[in-house]
């Protein structure tokens, strides 16, 4: 079964240290690799996955939380900790509760670039077959 809190985008389990996810930037920002020790981790064409397609509308990819501190020594490696897009509302609720987000309408406004990164569009929800009655 899928985990209740912050499930891994590869295996769906929660609380597994090996499922921690990072993004590795090589050369340009367009060359992004997803890094995880999850037993089900696989190569993902990050650029395509962030856009989704009609056949595969899911855009659940790791994204960088710009509200989290990223020590410069860590940033210098070209690898940063990330959060799966579909987990971002919960991440913000747990780690950055002073900000408003889906499911927590009260608080500071999220920076627009972060909101754009984590937004799940109606088109994506419809493509995934999520009934509109199940969407908050």
C-alpha atoms as a PDB file:
ATOM      1  CA  UNK A   1       0.000   0.000   0.000  1.00  0.00           C
ATOM      2  CA  UNK A   2       1.013   3.610  -0.554  1.00  0.00           C
ATOM      3  CA  UNK A   3       2.397   5.298   2.562  1.00  0.00           C
ATOM      4  CA  UNK A   4       0.291   7.838   4.424  1.00  0.00           C
ATOM      5  CA  UNK A   5       2.948  10.529   4.768  1.00  0.00           C
ATOM      6  CA  UNK A   6       5.338  11.807   2.088  1.00  0.00           C
ATOM      7  CA  UNK A   7       5.328   8.599  -0.013  1.00  0.00           C
ATOM      8  CA  UNK A   8       8.286   7.837  -2.260  1.00  0.00           C
ATOM      9  CA  UNK A   9       7.538   8.627  -5.912  1.00  0.00           C
ATOM     10  CA  UNK A  10       9.186   5.373  -6.974  1.00  0.00           C
ATOM     11  CA  UNK A  11       7.859   2.755  -4.517  1.00  0.00           C
ATOM     12  CA  UNK A  12       5.050   4.574  -2.686  1.00  0.00           C
ATOM     13  CA  UNK A  13       6.351   3.723   0.780  1.00  0.00           C
ATOM     14  CA  UNK A  14       6.859   6.271   3.559  1.00  0.00           C
ATOM     15  CA  UNK A  15       9.666   6.713   6.055  1.00  0.00           C
ATOM     16  CA  UNK A  16      12.307   4.637   4.244  1.00  0.00           C
ATOM     17  CA  UNK A  17      15.716   6.375   4.493  1.00  0.00           C
ATOM     18  CA  UNK A  18      16.836   4.896   1.163  1.00  0.00           C
ATOM     19  CA  UNK A  19      13.895   6.642  -0.533  1.00  0.00           C
ATOM     20  CA  UNK A  20      15.352  10.076   0.147  1.00  0.00           C
ATOM     21  CA  UNK A  21      15.484  11.935  -3.166  1.00  0.00           C
ATOM     22  CA  UNK A  22      17.923  14.501  -4.529  1.00  0.00           C
ATOM     23  CA  UNK A  23      18.369  16.360  -7.777  1.00  0.00           C
ATOM     24  CA  UNK A  24      21.775  16.443  -9.395  1.00  0.00           C
ATOM     25  CA  UNK A  25      22.546  19.282 -11.798  1.00  0.00           C
ATOM     26  CA  UNK A  26      25.169  18.646 -14.438  1.00  0.00           C
ATOM     27  CA  UNK A  27      26.374  21.375 -16.743  1.00  0.00           C
ATOM     28  CA  UNK A  28      23.170  23.317 -17.298  1.00  0.00           C
ATOM     29  CA  UNK A  29      19.950  23.312 -15.349  1.00  0.00           C
ATOM     30  CA  UNK A  30      18.424  21.312 -18.201  1.00  0.00           C
ATOM     31  CA  UNK A  31      20.653  18.328 -17.381  1.00  0.00           C
ATOM     32  CA  UNK A  32      18.901  17.186 -14.194  1.00  0.00           C
ATOM     33  CA  UNK A  33      19.198  13.687 -12.759  1.00  0.00           C
ATOM     34  CA  UNK A  34      17.050  12.210 -10.002  1.00  0.00           C
ATOM     35  CA  UNK A  35      19.131  10.447  -7.364  1.00  0.00           C
ATOM     36  CA  UNK A  36      17.650   7.984  -4.874  1.00  0.00           C
ATOM     37  CA  UNK A  37      18.670   4.718  -3.261  1.00  0.00           C
ATOM     38  CA  UNK A  38      15.084   3.408  -3.471  1.00  0.00           C
ATOM     39  CA  UNK A  39      15.047  -0.202  -4.670  1.00  0.00           C
ATOM     40  CA  UNK A  40      12.527   0.857  -7.342  1.00  0.00           C
ATOM     41  CA  UNK A  41      14.369   3.962  -8.525  1.00  0.00           C
ATOM     42  CA  UNK A  42      14.701   4.185 -12.289  1.00  0.00           C
ATOM     43  CA  UNK A  43      15.998   6.675 -14.812  1.00  0.00           C
ATOM     44  CA  UNK A  44      13.515   9.390 -15.618  1.00  0.00           C
ATOM     45  CA  UNK A  45      13.734  11.905 -18.443  1.00  0.00           C
ATOM     46  CA  UNK A  46      13.264  14.845 -16.086  1.00  0.00           C
ATOM     47  CA  UNK A  47      12.402  17.420 -18.753  1.00  0.00           C
ATOM     48  CA  UNK A  48       9.647  15.279 -20.253  1.00  0.00           C
ATOM     49  CA  UNK A  49       8.341  14.212 -16.858  1.00  0.00           C
ATOM     50  CA  UNK A  50       7.908  17.816 -15.709  1.00  0.00           C
ATOM     51  CA  UNK A  51       5.603  18.462 -18.674  1.00  0.00           C
ATOM     52  CA  UNK A  52       3.593  15.230 -18.751  1.00  0.00           C
ATOM     53  CA  UNK A  53       1.958  13.908 -21.901  1.00  0.00           C
ATOM     54  CA  UNK A  54      -1.529  12.830 -22.895  1.00  0.00           C
ATOM     55  CA  UNK A  55      -0.468   9.194 -22.487  1.00  0.00           C
ATOM     56  CA  UNK A  56       1.358   9.847 -19.192  1.00  0.00           C
ATOM     57  CA  UNK A  57      -0.176  12.917 -17.544  1.00  0.00           C
ATOM     58  CA  UNK A  58       1.560  12.369 -14.195  1.00  0.00           C
ATOM     59  CA  UNK A  59       4.144  15.077 -13.438  1.00  0.00           C
ATOM     60  CA  UNK A  60       5.183  13.793 -10.005  1.00  0.00           C
ATOM     61  CA  UNK A  61       8.886  14.588 -10.128  1.00  0.00           C
ATOM     62  CA  UNK A  62      11.204  15.748  -7.348  1.00  0.00           C
ATOM     63  CA  UNK A  63      11.438  19.522  -7.034  1.00  0.00           C
ATOM     64  CA  UNK A  64      13.615  21.770  -4.903  1.00  0.00           C
ATOM     65  CA  UNK A  65      11.928  23.428  -1.942  1.00  0.00           C
ATOM     66  CA  UNK A  66      13.290  26.951  -2.088  1.00  0.00           C
ATOM     67  CA  UNK A  67      12.019  27.584   1.444  1.00  0.00           C
ATOM     68  CA  UNK A  68      14.428  24.983   2.865  1.00  0.00           C
ATOM     69  CA  UNK A  69      17.959  26.111   3.663  1.00  0.00           C
ATOM     70  CA  UNK A  70      20.552  24.630   1.324  1.00  0.00           C
ATOM     71  CA  UNK A  71      24.071  24.986   2.761  1.00  0.00           C
ATOM     72  CA  UNK A  72      26.444  26.467   0.190  1.00  0.00           C
ATOM     73  CA  UNK A  73      28.866  23.551   0.586  1.00  0.00           C
ATOM     74  CA  UNK A  74      26.070  21.163  -0.358  1.00  0.00           C
ATOM     75  CA  UNK A  75      24.893  23.405  -3.192  1.00  0.00           C
ATOM     76  CA  UNK A  76      28.454  23.512  -4.518  1.00  0.00           C
ATOM     77  CA  UNK A  77      28.282  19.782  -5.241  1.00  0.00           C
ATOM     78  CA  UNK A  78      25.508  20.288  -7.782  1.00  0.00           C
ATOM     79  CA  UNK A  79      23.207  18.038  -5.738  1.00  0.00           C
ATOM     80  CA  UNK A  80      20.308  19.300  -3.646  1.00  0.00           C
ATOM     81  CA  UNK A  81      17.683  17.548  -1.514  1.00  0.00           C
ATOM     82  CA  UNK A  82      14.292  17.479  -3.193  1.00  0.00           C
ATOM     83  CA  UNK A  83      10.647  16.708  -2.469  1.00  0.00           C
ATOM     84  CA  UNK A  84       8.253  14.870  -4.783  1.00  0.00           C
ATOM     85  CA  UNK A  85       5.848  17.382  -6.371  1.00  0.00           C
ATOM     86  CA  UNK A  86       2.759  15.579  -5.071  1.00  0.00           C
ATOM     87  CA  UNK A  87       4.254  15.694  -1.528  1.00  0.00           C
ATOM     88  CA  UNK A  88       4.954  19.443  -1.516  1.00  0.00           C
ATOM     89  CA  UNK A  89       1.697  20.560   0.187  1.00  0.00           C
ATOM     90  CA  UNK A  90       2.419  18.157   3.057  1.00  0.00           C
ATOM     91  CA  UNK A  91       6.092  19.165   3.159  1.00  0.00           C
ATOM     92  CA  UNK A  92       5.100  22.828   3.428  1.00  0.00           C
ATOM     93  CA  UNK A  93       2.498  22.060   6.107  1.00  0.00           C
ATOM     94  CA  UNK A  94       5.094  20.145   8.183  1.00  0.00           C
ATOM     95  CA  UNK A  95       8.293  22.124   7.569  1.00  0.00           C
ATOM     96  CA  UNK A  96       7.042  25.602   6.682  1.00  0.00           C
ATOM     97  CA  UNK A  97       3.684  25.940   8.474  1.00  0.00           C
ATOM     98  CA  UNK A  98       3.878  29.737   8.370  1.00  0.00           C
ATOM     99  CA  UNK A  99       3.086  29.535   4.614  1.00  0.00           C
ATOM    100  CA  UNK A 100      -0.291  28.975   3.012  1.00  0.00           C
ATOM    101  CA  UNK A 101      -0.554  26.008   0.672  1.00  0.00           C
ATOM    102  CA  UNK A 102      -3.191  23.587  -0.627  1.00  0.00           C
ATOM    103  CA  UNK A 103      -4.904  22.219   2.457  1.00  0.00           C
ATOM    104  CA  UNK A 104      -3.604  25.126   4.599  1.00  0.00           C
ATOM    105  CA  UNK A 105      -5.172  28.345   3.275  1.00  0.00           C
ATOM    106  CA  UNK A 106      -3.903  30.581   6.100  1.00  0.00           C
ATOM    107  CA  UNK A 107      -0.393  32.019   6.155  1.00  0.00           C
ATOM    108  CA  UNK A 108       2.229  33.813   4.145  1.00  0.00           C
ATOM    109  CA  UNK A 109       2.015  33.599   0.368  1.00  0.00           C
ATOM    110  CA  UNK A 110       4.331  31.061  -1.219  1.00  0.00           C
ATOM    111  CA  UNK A 111       6.970  32.504  -3.553  1.00  0.00           C
ATOM    112  CA  UNK A 112       5.475  32.374  -7.063  1.00  0.00           C
ATOM    113  CA  UNK A 113       8.260  30.190  -8.575  1.00  0.00           C
ATOM    114  CA  UNK A 114       7.711  27.551  -5.862  1.00  0.00           C
ATOM    115  CA  UNK A 115       3.936  27.647  -6.382  1.00  0.00           C
ATOM    116  CA  UNK A 116       4.466  27.228 -10.142  1.00  0.00           C
ATOM    117  CA  UNK A 117       6.789  24.248  -9.532  1.00  0.00           C
ATOM    118  CA  UNK A 118       4.339  22.444  -7.252  1.00  0.00           C
ATOM    119  CA  UNK A 119       1.062  23.294  -8.980  1.00  0.00           C
ATOM    120  CA  UNK A 120      -1.049  20.357 -10.127  1.00  0.00           C
ATOM    121  CA  UNK A 121      -3.213  21.524 -12.993  1.00  0.00           C
ATOM    122  CA  UNK A 122      -6.843  20.615 -13.625  1.00  0.00           C
ATOM    123  CA  UNK A 123      -5.709  19.078 -16.920  1.00  0.00           C
ATOM    124  CA  UNK A 124      -3.302  16.791 -15.044  1.00  0.00           C
ATOM    125  CA  UNK A 125      -5.944  15.825 -12.482  1.00  0.00           C
ATOM    126  CA  UNK A 126      -8.435  15.046 -15.257  1.00  0.00           C
ATOM    127  CA  UNK A 127      -5.806  13.060 -17.194  1.00  0.00           C
ATOM    128  CA  UNK A 128      -5.118  11.006 -14.085  1.00  0.00           C
ATOM    129  CA  UNK A 129      -8.840  10.242 -13.766  1.00  0.00           C
ATOM    130  CA  UNK A 130      -9.290  12.050 -10.450  1.00  0.00           C
ATOM    131  CA  UNK A 131     -12.980  12.844  -9.999  1.00  0.00           C
ATOM    132  CA  UNK A 132     -13.594  16.580  -9.547  1.00  0.00           C
ATOM    133  CA  UNK A 133     -15.550  15.748  -6.370  1.00  0.00           C
ATOM    134  CA  UNK A 134     -12.287  14.429  -4.857  1.00  0.00           C
ATOM    135  CA  UNK A 135     -10.299  17.587  -5.566  1.00  0.00           C
ATOM    136  CA  UNK A 136     -10.253  20.182  -2.777  1.00  0.00           C
END
